[in-house]
Amino acid sequence: MQEPEQVQINYSKKVSNKKMSKITSFTKKPAGILLVLLVIALGGFGYYFQKYNAVAKNPAAESAQKAEEAKKKTEEVVSQISKLIMVTDSTNAVLATIADKSKLSGQKFFDLAENGDELVLFPNMQKAVIYRPSVNKIIDVGPFNPNAQASSTPATTTKATSKTTTASSTKAK
């Protein structure tokens, strides 16, 4: 009888060039992604570091920029209000945004106000205006006495407005 042939099986297959390039590109992708993320992170860090240094060196410039932005917004709101009512003197107008109406509860002037409304004080006209930009309407107008004592809180400002109402009725008599 013939002896069976022994077949030798080679388990180590050669990988084709196409398969090898897929394997190497797959292992290179995470490294590429990490490199891109690292560059983005370093760029963001550099940007904010530069901003921090600019403010640290000259904090007045930052506050001057914010003051200029506030002045511009005040002028825009006063311009919108002047289209709706006669504004005779808008010099030194002060703008405040109502952020939390609940803190103003119990004060008649703010009964119709909502969060997001703008309170504009016209010291030279001695008027206070509540303006709603979302509907471009004036909600309320009332007297305002810039000489009355007031703190930075809107509630105290409103109390000063109430005192003005009392004082102006006394003057009218």
Protein backbone atom coordinates (compact mmCIF):
# COMPACT_ATOMS: atom_id res chain seq x y z
CA MET A 1 0.00 0.00 0.00
CA GLN A 2 0.97 3.43 -0.63
CA GLU A 3 1.69 5.70 2.13
CA PRO A 4 -0.60 8.64 2.38
CA GLU A 5 1.02 11.84 1.34
CA GLN A 6 1.58 14.22 4.04
CA VAL A 7 0.24 17.57 3.27
CA GLN A 8 1.81 20.43 4.96
CA ILE A 9 -0.56 23.29 5.67
CA ASN A 10 0.95 26.71 5.92
CA TYR A 11 -1.06 28.71 8.41
CA SER A 12 0.90 31.86 7.98
CA LYS A 13 -0.79 33.37 4.97
CA LYS A 14 0.73 36.22 3.17
CA VAL A 15 -1.33 39.33 3.48
CA SER A 16 -1.84 41.18 0.25
CA ASN A 17 -0.66 44.76 -0.11
CA LYS A 18 -4.26 46.05 -0.21
CA LYS A 19 -5.13 44.38 3.06
CA MET A 20 -1.91 45.59 4.63
CA SER A 21 -2.56 49.22 3.64
CA LYS A 22 -6.06 49.00 5.15
CA ILE A 23 -4.62 47.70 8.38
CA THR A 24 -1.95 50.40 8.58
CA SER A 25 -4.38 53.20 7.65
CA PHE A 26 -6.74 51.97 10.34
CA THR A 27 -3.99 52.13 12.94
CA LYS A 28 -2.93 55.56 11.69
CA LYS A 29 -6.46 57.11 11.87
CA PRO A 30 -6.65 57.34 15.68
CA ALA A 31 -3.24 58.95 15.77
CA GLY A 32 -4.33 61.46 13.12
CA ILE A 33 -7.54 62.23 14.96
CA LEU A 34 -5.66 62.73 18.20
CA LEU A 35 -3.21 65.02 16.45
CA VAL A 36 -6.03 67.18 15.04
CA LEU A 37 -7.72 67.38 18.44
CA LEU A 38 -4.42 68.32 20.06
CA VAL A 39 -3.88 71.14 17.53
CA ILE A 40 -7.43 72.45 18.13
CA ALA A 41 -6.98 72.30 21.90
CA LEU A 42 -3.64 74.12 21.73
CA GLY A 43 -5.13 76.76 19.44
CA GLY A 44 -8.01 77.36 21.85
CA PHE A 45 -5.66 77.51 24.79
CA GLY A 46 -3.44 79.99 22.96
CA TYR A 47 -6.41 82.22 22.06
CA TYR A 48 -7.77 82.38 25.60
CA PHE A 49 -4.28 82.80 27.06
CA GLN A 50 -3.74 85.78 24.77
CA LYS A 51 -7.12 87.28 25.82
CA TYR A 52 -6.28 86.72 29.50
CA ASN A 53 -2.91 88.45 29.12
CA ALA A 54 -4.49 91.38 27.27
CA VAL A 55 -7.03 91.89 30.08
CA ALA A 56 -4.41 91.39 32.78
CA LYS A 57 -2.15 94.01 31.22
CA ASN A 58 -4.92 96.54 30.56
CA PRO A 59 -8.20 95.88 32.42
CA ALA A 60 -9.43 99.39 31.60
CA ALA A 61 -9.54 98.52 27.89
CA GLU A 62 -11.90 95.61 28.59
CA SER A 63 -14.22 97.75 30.70
CA ALA A 64 -14.06 100.56 28.14
CA GLN A 65 -15.12 98.10 25.45
CA LYS A 66 -18.04 96.89 27.57
CA ALA A 67 -19.04 100.49 28.29
CA GLU A 68 -18.99 101.26 24.57
CA GLU A 69 -21.18 98.22 23.84
CA ALA A 70 -23.63 99.28 26.57
CA LYS A 71 -23.75 102.82 25.19
CA LYS A 72 -24.43 101.49 21.70
CA LYS A 73 -27.25 99.25 22.95
CA THR A 74 -28.75 102.15 24.92
CA GLU A 75 -28.70 104.30 21.79
CA GLU A 76 -30.41 101.54 19.78
CA VAL A 77 -33.19 101.10 22.37
CA VAL A 78 -33.67 104.87 22.71
CA SER A 79 -33.90 105.08 18.92
CA GLN A 80 -36.65 102.43 18.91
CA ILE A 81 -38.52 104.19 21.72
CA SER A 82 -38.27 107.56 19.97
CA LYS A 83 -40.13 106.04 17.00
CA LEU A 84 -43.03 105.23 19.34
CA ILE A 85 -43.18 108.30 21.60
CA MET A 86 -41.72 111.79 21.62
CA VAL A 87 -38.29 111.79 23.25
CA THR A 88 -37.23 115.39 23.75
CA ASP A 89 -33.88 114.78 25.48
CA SER A 90 -32.19 111.39 25.46
CA THR A 91 -28.90 112.63 26.91
CA ASN A 92 -27.65 110.53 29.79
CA ALA A 93 -30.33 107.88 29.21
CA VAL A 94 -29.80 104.78 31.35
CA LEU A 95 -30.77 101.30 30.19
CA ALA A 96 -31.53 98.28 32.38
CA THR A 97 -32.95 94.90 31.40
CA ILE A 98 -35.56 93.32 33.63
CA ALA A 99 -34.09 89.92 34.43
CA ASP A 100 -36.36 88.71 37.26
CA LYS A 101 -39.85 90.19 37.38
CA SER A 102 -40.60 88.43 40.68
CA LYS A 103 -38.21 90.80 42.48
CA LEU A 104 -40.35 93.71 41.29
CA SER A 105 -43.68 92.34 42.48
CA GLY A 106 -45.83 94.70 44.49
CA GLN A 107 -44.58 97.75 42.61
CA LYS A 108 -47.37 99.11 40.44
CA PHE A 109 -45.09 100.55 37.76
CA PHE A 110 -43.76 97.06 36.97
CA ASP A 111 -47.11 95.20 37.00
CA LEU A 112 -47.18 94.73 33.21
CA ALA A 113 -43.42 94.20 32.84
CA GLU A 114 -41.99 90.83 31.82
CA ASN A 115 -38.51 89.33 31.93
CA GLY A 116 -36.51 90.69 29.01
CA ASP A 117 -38.22 94.09 28.95
CA GLU A 118 -36.00 97.14 28.88
CA LEU A 119 -36.27 99.90 31.50
CA VAL A 120 -34.99 103.20 30.15
CA LEU A 121 -34.53 106.14 32.49
CA PHE A 122 -34.44 109.61 30.94
CA PRO A 123 -33.02 111.86 33.70
CA ASN A 124 -33.37 115.10 31.72
CA MET A 125 -37.03 114.36 30.87
CA GLN A 126 -37.64 112.87 34.34
CA LYS A 127 -39.38 109.87 32.77
CA ALA A 128 -39.01 106.12 33.07
CA VAL A 129 -40.10 103.89 30.19
CA ILE A 130 -40.66 100.14 30.11
CA TYR A 131 -40.12 98.95 26.53
CA ARG A 132 -40.70 95.42 25.19
CA PRO A 133 -38.38 94.83 22.21
CA SER A 134 -39.99 91.51 21.23
CA VAL A 135 -43.19 93.29 20.16
CA ASN A 136 -41.71 96.80 19.75
CA LYS A 137 -44.17 98.35 22.21
CA ILE A 138 -43.97 100.68 25.15
CA ILE A 139 -45.48 98.95 28.16
CA ASP A 140 -45.54 101.83 30.63
CA VAL A 141 -44.26 105.37 31.14
CA GLY A 142 -43.92 107.00 34.52
CA PRO A 143 -42.22 109.90 36.27
CA PHE A 144 -38.64 109.52 37.43
CA ASN A 145 -36.72 111.84 39.73
CA PRO A 146 -32.97 111.50 39.19
CA ASN A 147 -32.26 113.53 42.34
CA ALA A 148 -34.00 111.01 44.61
CA GLN A 149 -31.71 108.62 46.45
CA ALA A 150 -31.47 105.31 44.64
CA SER A 151 -29.22 102.30 44.83
CA SER A 152 -28.29 99.98 42.00
CA THR A 153 -31.25 97.66 42.55
CA PRO A 154 -34.32 98.15 40.34
CA ALA A 155 -36.62 97.79 43.36
CA THR A 156 -35.09 100.84 45.05
CA THR A 157 -35.22 102.75 41.78
CA THR A 158 -38.91 102.01 41.59
CA LYS A 159 -39.41 103.19 45.16
CA ALA A 160 -37.75 106.43 44.11
CA THR A 161 -40.24 106.59 41.22
CA SER A 162 -43.12 106.14 43.66
CA LYS A 163 -41.74 108.95 45.82
CA THR A 164 -41.52 111.10 42.71
CA THR A 165 -45.20 110.52 41.99
CA THR A 166 -46.07 111.67 45.50
CA ALA A 167 -43.76 114.66 45.28
CA SER A 168 -45.06 115.74 41.86
CA SER A 169 -48.70 115.56 43.05
CA THR A 170 -47.74 117.76 45.99
CA LYS A 171 -46.06 120.26 43.67
CA ALA A 172 -49.08 120.38 41.39
CA LYS A 173 -51.35 121.57 44.24
